[in-house]
Amino acid sequence: MKTFKNIAGIVVILIGVVWMLQGANIIAGMAMSDNGEWLVLGAFLLVFGIGLLYENNRPTTRVH
Protein backbone atom coordinates (compact mmCIF):
# COMPACT_ATOMS: atom_id res chain seq x y z
CA MET A 1 0.00 0.00 0.00
CA LYS A 2 2.88 2.33 0.77
CA THR A 3 4.34 1.83 -2.71
CA PHE A 4 0.99 2.59 -4.32
CA LYS A 5 0.66 5.83 -2.32
CA ASN A 6 4.18 6.87 -3.31
CA ILE A 7 3.47 6.23 -6.98
CA ALA A 8 0.15 8.10 -6.71
CA GLY A 9 1.89 11.04 -5.04
CA ILE A 10 4.50 11.25 -7.79
CA VAL A 11 1.86 11.04 -10.53
CA VAL A 12 -0.20 13.79 -8.87
CA ILE A 13 2.90 15.99 -8.61
CA LEU A 14 3.75 15.45 -12.28
CA ILE A 15 0.20 16.26 -13.39
CA GLY A 16 0.25 19.37 -11.22
CA VAL A 17 3.51 20.56 -12.73
CA VAL A 18 2.24 20.01 -16.30
CA TRP A 19 -0.98 21.89 -15.53
CA MET A 20 0.99 24.75 -13.97
CA LEU A 21 3.26 24.97 -17.01
CA GLN A 22 0.27 24.98 -19.34
CA GLY A 23 -1.54 27.59 -17.25
CA ALA A 24 1.56 29.79 -17.31
CA ASN A 25 1.75 29.36 -21.12
CA ILE A 26 5.18 27.72 -20.91
CA ILE A 27 3.71 24.68 -22.64
CA ALA A 28 1.71 26.33 -25.39
CA GLY A 29 -0.67 25.08 -28.04
CA MET A 30 -3.44 23.58 -25.94
CA ALA A 31 -6.79 24.80 -24.67
CA MET A 32 -5.32 24.97 -21.16
CA SER A 33 -2.51 27.29 -22.25
CA ASP A 34 -2.42 30.80 -20.79
CA ASN A 35 -5.38 30.10 -18.50
CA GLY A 36 -4.88 31.08 -14.89
CA GLU A 37 -7.35 28.50 -13.62
CA TRP A 38 -5.05 25.67 -14.66
CA LEU A 39 -2.11 27.39 -13.03
CA VAL A 40 -3.98 27.48 -9.71
CA LEU A 41 -5.34 23.93 -10.05
CA GLY A 42 -1.86 22.68 -10.88
CA ALA A 43 -0.45 24.41 -7.80
CA PHE A 44 -3.10 22.76 -5.61
CA LEU A 45 -2.30 19.36 -7.11
CA LEU A 46 1.41 19.93 -6.56
CA VAL A 47 0.88 20.78 -2.88
CA PHE A 48 -1.49 17.82 -2.47
CA GLY A 49 1.02 15.42 -4.02
CA ILE A 50 3.84 16.70 -1.82
CA GLY A 51 1.60 16.33 1.22
CA LEU A 52 0.69 12.80 0.19
CA LEU A 53 4.35 11.82 -0.14
CA TYR A 54 5.24 13.48 3.15
CA GLU A 55 2.39 11.83 5.05
CA ASN A 56 3.23 8.44 3.57
CA ASN A 57 6.98 8.62 4.29
CA ARG A 58 7.22 10.54 7.54
CA PRO A 59 8.95 8.76 10.35
CA THR A 60 6.69 7.31 12.97
CA THR A 61 7.50 7.56 16.63
CA ARG A 62 6.42 4.90 19.05
CA VAL A 63 5.82 5.69 22.66
CA HIS A 64 6.41 2.76 24.98
PDB file of N, CA and C in Angstrom:
ATOM      1  N   MET A   1       0.820  -1.194   0.000  1.00  0.00           N
ATOM      2  CA  MET A   1       0.000   0.000   0.000  1.00  0.00           C
ATOM      3  C   MET A   1       0.865   1.260   0.000  1.00  0.00           C
ATOM      4  N   LYS A   2       1.995   1.178   0.713  1.00  0.00           N
ATOM      5  CA  LYS A   2       2.882   2.333   0.771  1.00  0.00           C
ATOM      6  C   LYS A   2       3.463   2.653  -0.616  1.00  0.00           C
ATOM      7  N   THR A   3       3.806   1.619  -1.364  1.00  0.00           N
ATOM      8  CA  THR A   3       4.342   1.825  -2.707  1.00  0.00           C
ATOM      9  C   THR A   3       3.299   2.475  -3.609  1.00  0.00           C
ATOM     10  N   PHE A   4       2.061   2.017  -3.510  1.00  0.00           N
ATOM     11  CA  PHE A   4       0.993   2.593  -4.319  1.00  0.00           C
ATOM     12  C   PHE A   4       0.796   4.073  -3.996  1.00  0.00           C
ATOM     13  N   LYS A   5       0.825   4.426  -2.716  1.00  0.00           N
ATOM     14  CA  LYS A   5       0.661   5.829  -2.324  1.00  0.00           C
ATOM     15  C   LYS A   5       1.827   6.675  -2.808  1.00  0.00           C
ATOM     16  N   ASN A   6       3.029   6.127  -2.795  1.00  0.00           N
ATOM     17  CA  ASN A   6       4.185   6.866  -3.313  1.00  0.00           C
ATOM     18  C   ASN A   6       4.051   7.104  -4.816  1.00  0.00           C
ATOM     19  N   ILE A   7       3.651   6.080  -5.535  1.00  0.00           N
ATOM     20  CA  ILE A   7       3.465   6.230  -6.981  1.00  0.00           C
ATOM     21  C   ILE A   7       2.357   7.234  -7.272  1.00  0.00           C
ATOM     22  N   ALA A   8       1.248   7.153  -6.526  1.00  0.00           N
ATOM     23  CA  ALA A   8       0.148   8.098  -6.715  1.00  0.00           C
ATOM     24  C   ALA A   8       0.599   9.525  -6.419  1.00  0.00           C
ATOM     25  N   GLY A   9       1.385   9.709  -5.377  1.00  0.00           N
ATOM     26  CA  GLY A   9       1.887  11.043  -5.043  1.00  0.00           C
ATOM     27  C   GLY A   9       2.769  11.614  -6.149  1.00  0.00           C
ATOM     28  N   ILE A  10       3.624  10.788  -6.711  1.00  0.00           N
ATOM     29  CA  ILE A  10       4.503  11.246  -7.791  1.00  0.00           C
ATOM     30  C   ILE A  10       3.693  11.588  -9.035  1.00  0.00           C
ATOM     31  N   VAL A  11       2.708  10.766  -9.363  1.00  0.00           N
ATOM     32  CA  VAL A  11       1.860  11.043 -10.532  1.00  0.00           C
ATOM     33  C   VAL A  11       1.085  12.345 -10.343  1.00  0.00           C
ATOM     34  N   VAL A  12       0.546  12.555  -9.145  1.00  0.00           N
ATOM     35  CA  VAL A  12      -0.205  13.789  -8.869  1.00  0.00           C
ATOM     36  C   VAL A  12       0.717  15.000  -8.992  1.00  0.00           C
ATOM     37  N   ILE A  13       1.942  14.892  -8.493  1.00  0.00           N
ATOM     38  CA  ILE A  13       2.904  15.989  -8.608  1.00  0.00           C
ATOM     39  C   ILE A  13       3.208  16.282 -10.071  1.00  0.00           C
ATOM     40  N   LEU A  14       3.443  15.253 -10.862  1.00  0.00           N
ATOM     41  CA  LEU A  14       3.752  15.454 -12.280  1.00  0.00           C
ATOM     42  C   LEU A  14       2.589  16.099 -13.033  1.00  0.00           C
ATOM     43  N   ILE A  15       1.373  15.651 -12.753  1.00  0.00           N
ATOM     44  CA  ILE A  15       0.201  16.261 -13.392  1.00  0.00           C
ATOM     45  C   ILE A  15       0.084  17.726 -12.977  1.00  0.00           C
ATOM     46  N   GLY A  16       0.299  17.999 -11.696  1.00  0.00           N
ATOM     47  CA  GLY A  16       0.246  19.375 -11.217  1.00  0.00           C
ATOM     48  C   GLY A  16       1.268  20.277 -11.895  1.00  0.00           C
ATOM     49  N   VAL A  17       2.467  19.764 -12.077  1.00  0.00           N
ATOM     50  CA  VAL A  17       3.511  20.559 -12.734  1.00  0.00           C
ATOM     51  C   VAL A  17       3.140  20.832 -14.190  1.00  0.00           C
ATOM     52  N   VAL A  18       2.647  19.818 -14.894  1.00  0.00           N
ATOM     53  CA  VAL A  18       2.245  20.009 -16.295  1.00  0.00           C
ATOM     54  C   VAL A  18       1.118  21.036 -16.384  1.00  0.00           C
ATOM     55  N   TRP A  19       0.122  20.933 -15.501  1.00  0.00           N
ATOM     56  CA  TRP A  19      -0.983  21.891 -15.525  1.00  0.00           C
ATOM     57  C   TRP A  19      -0.497  23.299 -15.216  1.00  0.00           C
ATOM     58  N   MET A  20       0.450  23.418 -14.276  1.00  0.00           N
ATOM     59  CA  MET A  20       0.988  24.746 -13.970  1.00  0.00           C
ATOM     60  C   MET A  20       1.733  25.327 -15.176  1.00  0.00           C
ATOM     61  N   LEU A  21       2.522  24.504 -15.840  1.00  0.00           N
ATOM     62  CA  LEU A  21       3.260  24.973 -17.012  1.00  0.00           C
ATOM     63  C   LEU A  21       2.321  25.371 -18.149  1.00  0.00           C
ATOM     64  N   GLN A  22       1.243  24.630 -18.314  1.00  0.00           N
ATOM     65  CA  GLN A  22       0.271  24.984 -19.343  1.00  0.00           C
ATOM     66  C   GLN A  22      -0.472  26.259 -18.957  1.00  0.00           C
ATOM     67  N   GLY A  23      -0.839  26.384 -17.703  1.00  0.00           N
ATOM     68  CA  GLY A  23      -1.537  27.586 -17.254  1.00  0.00           C
ATOM     69  C   GLY A  23      -0.677  28.829 -17.350  1.00  0.00           C
ATOM     70  N   ALA A  24       0.629  28.671 -17.197  1.00  0.00           N
ATOM     71  CA  ALA A  24       1.558  29.789 -17.315  1.00  0.00           C
ATOM     72  C   ALA A  24       1.992  30.027 -18.756  1.00  0.00           C
ATOM     73  N   ASN A  25       1.465  29.262 -19.689  1.00  0.00           N
ATOM     74  CA  ASN A  25       1.751  29.356 -21.116  1.00  0.00           C
ATOM     75  C   ASN A  25       3.208  29.024 -21.445  1.00  0.00           C
ATOM     76  N   ILE A  26       3.838  28.205 -20.609  1.00  0.00           N
ATOM     77  CA  ILE A  26       5.179  27.717 -20.910  1.00  0.00           C
ATOM     78  C   ILE A  26       5.080  26.535 -21.867  1.00  0.00           C
ATOM     79  N   ILE A  27       4.058  25.715 -21.676  1.00  0.00           N
ATOM     80  CA  ILE A  27       3.710  24.676 -22.645  1.00  0.00           C
ATOM     81  C   ILE A  27       2.512  25.224 -23.412  1.00  0.00           C
ATOM     82  N   ALA A  28       2.756  25.666 -24.610  1.00  0.00           N
ATOM     83  CA  ALA A  28       1.708  26.335 -25.385  1.00  0.00           C
ATOM     84  C   ALA A  28       1.055  25.367 -26.373  1.00  0.00           C
ATOM     85  N   GLY A  29      -0.027  25.820 -26.963  1.00  0.00           N
ATOM     86  CA  GLY A  29      -0.667  25.077 -28.038  1.00  0.00           C
ATOM     87  C   GLY A  29      -1.835  24.214 -27.618  1.00  0.00           C
ATOM     88  N   MET A  30      -2.308  24.372 -26.401  1.00  0.00           N
ATOM     89  CA  MET A  30      -3.437  23.576 -25.938  1.00  0.00           C
ATOM     90  C   MET A  30      -4.510  24.512 -25.399  1.00  0.00           C
ATOM     91  N   ALA A  31      -5.691  23.982 -25.191  1.00  0.00           N
ATOM     92  CA  ALA A  31      -6.791  24.801 -24.671  1.00  0.00           C
ATOM     93  C   ALA A  31      -6.506  25.287 -23.258  1.00  0.00           C
ATOM     94  N   MET A  32      -5.652  24.589 -22.526  1.00  0.00           N
ATOM     95  CA  MET A  32      -5.324  24.973 -21.155  1.00  0.00           C
ATOM     96  C   MET A  32      -4.261  26.063 -21.105  1.00  0.00           C
ATOM     97  N   SER A  33      -3.610  26.339 -22.221  1.00  0.00           N
ATOM     98  CA  SER A  33      -2.510  27.291 -22.247  1.00  0.00           C
ATOM     99  C   SER A  33      -2.987  28.704 -21.960  1.00  0.00           C
ATOM    100  N   ASP A  34      -2.191  29.410 -21.158  1.00  0.00           N
ATOM    101  CA  ASP A  34      -2.421  30.803 -20.794  1.00  0.00           C
ATOM    102  C   ASP A  34      -3.770  30.994 -20.097  1.00  0.00           C
ATOM    103  N   ASN A  35      -4.138  30.033 -19.266  1.00  0.00           N
ATOM    104  CA  ASN A  35      -5.377  30.098 -18.502  1.00  0.00           C
ATOM    105  C   ASN A  35      -5.013  29.969 -17.027  1.00  0.00           C
ATOM    106  N   GLY A  36      -5.275  31.031 -16.284  1.00  0.00           N
ATOM    107  CA  GLY A  36      -4.879  31.081 -14.888  1.00  0.00           C
ATOM    108  C   GLY A  36      -5.521  30.029 -14.010  1.00  0.00           C
ATOM    109  N   GLU A  37      -6.690  29.547 -14.407  1.00  0.00           N
ATOM    110  CA  GLU A  37      -7.352  28.501 -13.615  1.00  0.00           C
ATOM    111  C   GLU A  37      -6.492  27.244 -13.540  1.00  0.00           C
ATOM    112  N   TRP A  38      -5.866  26.878 -14.642  1.00  0.00           N
ATOM    113  CA  TRP A  38      -5.048  25.672 -14.660  1.00  0.00           C
ATOM    114  C   TRP A  38      -3.763  25.875 -13.879  1.00  0.00           C
ATOM    115  N   LEU A  39      -3.281  27.092 -13.844  1.00  0.00           N
ATOM    116  CA  LEU A  39      -2.110  27.394 -13.029  1.00  0.00           C
ATOM    117  C   LEU A  39      -2.424  27.167 -11.552  1.00  0.00           C
ATOM    118  N   VAL A  40      -3.576  27.638 -11.109  1.00  0.00           N
ATOM    119  CA  VAL A  40      -3.980  27.482  -9.707  1.00  0.00           C
ATOM    120  C   VAL A  40      -4.295  26.021  -9.390  1.00  0.00           C
ATOM    121  N   LEU A  41      -5.038  25.349 -10.275  1.00  0.00           N
ATOM    122  CA  LEU A  41      -5.345  23.929 -10.053  1.00  0.00           C
ATOM    123  C   LEU A  41      -4.077  23.082 -10.017  1.00  0.00           C
ATOM    124  N   GLY A  42      -3.133  23.401 -10.878  1.00  0.00           N
ATOM    125  CA  GLY A  42      -1.857  22.681 -10.875  1.00  0.00           C
ATOM    126  C   GLY A  42      -1.090  22.901  -9.587  1.00  0.00           C
ATOM    127  N   ALA A  43      -1.130  24.121  -9.066  1.00  0.00           N
ATOM    128  CA  ALA A  43      -0.450  24.408  -7.798  1.00  0.00           C
ATOM    129  C   ALA A  43      -1.086  23.624  -6.656  1.00  0.00           C
ATOM    130  N   PHE A  44      -2.423  23.542  -6.638  1.00  0.00           N
ATOM    131  CA  PHE A  44      -3.102  22.756  -5.611  1.00  0.00           C
ATOM    132  C   PHE A  44      -2.725  21.283  -5.718  1.00  0.00           C
ATOM    133  N   LEU A  45      -2.683  20.757  -6.934  1.00  0.00           N
ATOM    134  CA  LEU A  45      -2.297  19.356  -7.107  1.00  0.00           C
ATOM    135  C   LEU A  45      -0.854  19.128  -6.666  1.00  0.00           C
ATOM    136  N   LEU A  46       0.016  20.053  -6.964  1.00  0.00           N
ATOM    137  CA  LEU A  46       1.413  19.935  -6.558  1.00  0.00           C
ATOM    138  C   LEU A  46       1.518  19.876  -5.040  1.00  0.00           C
ATOM    139  N   VAL A  47       0.847  20.771  -4.355  1.00  0.00           N
ATOM    140  CA  VAL A  47       0.880  20.777  -2.884  1.00  0.00           C
ATOM    141  C   VAL A  47       0.264  19.499  -2.327  1.00  0.00           C
ATOM    142  N   PHE A  48      -0.847  19.049  -2.915  1.00  0.00           N
ATOM    143  CA  PHE A  48      -1.494  17.820  -2.466  1.00  0.00           C
ATOM    144  C   PHE A  48      -0.561  16.616  -2.636  1.00  0.00           C
ATOM    145  N   GLY A  49       0.111  16.537  -3.779  1.00  0.00           N
ATOM    146  CA  GLY A  49       1.024  15.423  -4.025  1.00  0.00           C
ATOM    147  C   GLY A  49       2.200  15.427  -3.072  1.00  0.00           C
ATOM    148  N   ILE A  50       2.740  16.603  -2.784  1.00  0.00           N
ATOM    149  CA  ILE A  50       3.841  16.700  -1.821  1.00  0.00           C
ATOM    150  C   ILE A  50       3.364  16.280  -0.432  1.00  0.00           C
ATOM    151  N   GLY A  51       2.159  16.730  -0.066  1.00  0.00           N
ATOM    152  CA  GLY A  51       1.601  16.333   1.219  1.00  0.00           C
ATOM    153  C   GLY A  51       1.371  14.835   1.311  1.00  0.00           C
ATOM    154  N   LEU A  52       0.918  14.240   0.230  1.00  0.00           N
ATOM    155  CA  LEU A  52       0.691  12.797   0.193  1.00  0.00           C
ATOM    156  C   LEU A  52       2.005  12.039   0.385  1.00  0.00           C
ATOM    157  N   LEU A  53       3.046  12.470  -0.301  1.00  0.00           N
ATOM    158  CA  LEU A  53       4.347  11.819  -0.143  1.00  0.00           C
ATOM    159  C   LEU A  53       4.892  12.010   1.265  1.00  0.00           C
ATOM    160  N   TYR A  54       4.743  13.224   1.793  1.00  0.00           N
ATOM    161  CA  TYR A  54       5.237  13.484   3.149  1.00  0.00           C
ATOM    162  C   TYR A  54       4.503  12.616   4.170  1.00  0.00           C
ATOM    163  N   GLU A  55       3.192  12.597   4.098  1.00  0.00           N
ATOM    164  CA  GLU A  55       2.391  11.829   5.046  1.00  0.00           C
ATOM    165  C   GLU A  55       2.703  10.338   4.959  1.00  0.00           C
ATOM    166  N   ASN A  56       2.962   9.857   3.771  1.00  0.00           N
ATOM    167  CA  ASN A  56       3.229   8.435   3.575  1.00  0.00           C
ATOM    168  C   ASN A  56       4.624   8.042   4.036  1.00  0.00           C
ATOM    169  N   ASN A  57       5.573   8.966   4.008  1.00  0.00           N
ATOM    170  CA  ASN A  57       6.976   8.616   4.288  1.00  0.00           C
ATOM    171  C   ASN A  57       7.530   9.246   5.552  1.00  0.00           C
ATOM    172  N   ARG A  58       6.701   9.910   6.330  1.00  0.00           N
ATOM    173  CA  ARG A  58       7.216  10.540   7.540  1.00  0.00           C
ATOM    174  C   ARG A  58       7.560   9.473   8.553  1.00  0.00           C
ATOM    175  N   PRO A  59       8.578   9.756   9.341  1.00  0.00           N
ATOM    176  CA  PRO A  59       8.952   8.760  10.351  1.00  0.00           C
ATOM    177  C   PRO A  59       7.885   8.696  11.450  1.00  0.00           C
ATOM    178  N   THR A  60       7.656   7.503  11.897  1.00  0.00           N
ATOM    179  CA  THR A  60       6.689   7.313  12.971  1.00  0.00           C
ATOM    180  C   THR A  60       7.432   7.131  14.281  1.00  0.00           C
ATOM    181  N   THR A  61       6.897   7.726  15.311  1.00  0.00           N
ATOM    182  CA  THR A  61       7.498   7.563  16.625  1.00  0.00           C
ATOM    183  C   THR A  61       6.582   6.699  17.472  1.00  0.00           C
ATOM    184  N   ARG A  62       7.183   5.792  18.184  1.00  0.00           N
ATOM    185  CA  ARG A  62       6.417   4.902  19.053  1.00  0.00           C
ATOM    186  C   ARG A  62       6.713   5.258  20.497  1.00  0.00           C
ATOM    187  N   VAL A  63       5.678   5.400  21.243  1.00  0.00           N
ATOM    188  CA  VAL A  63       5.815   5.689  22.656  1.00  0.00           C
ATOM    189  C   VAL A  63       5.575   4.396  23.418  1.00  0.00           C
ATOM    190  N   HIS A  64       6.539   4.017  24.239  1.00  0.00           N
ATOM    191  CA  HIS A  64       6.407   2.764  24.983  1.00  0.00           C
ATOM    192  C   HIS A  64       5.996   3.035  26.397  1.00  0.00           C
TER     193      HIS A  64
END
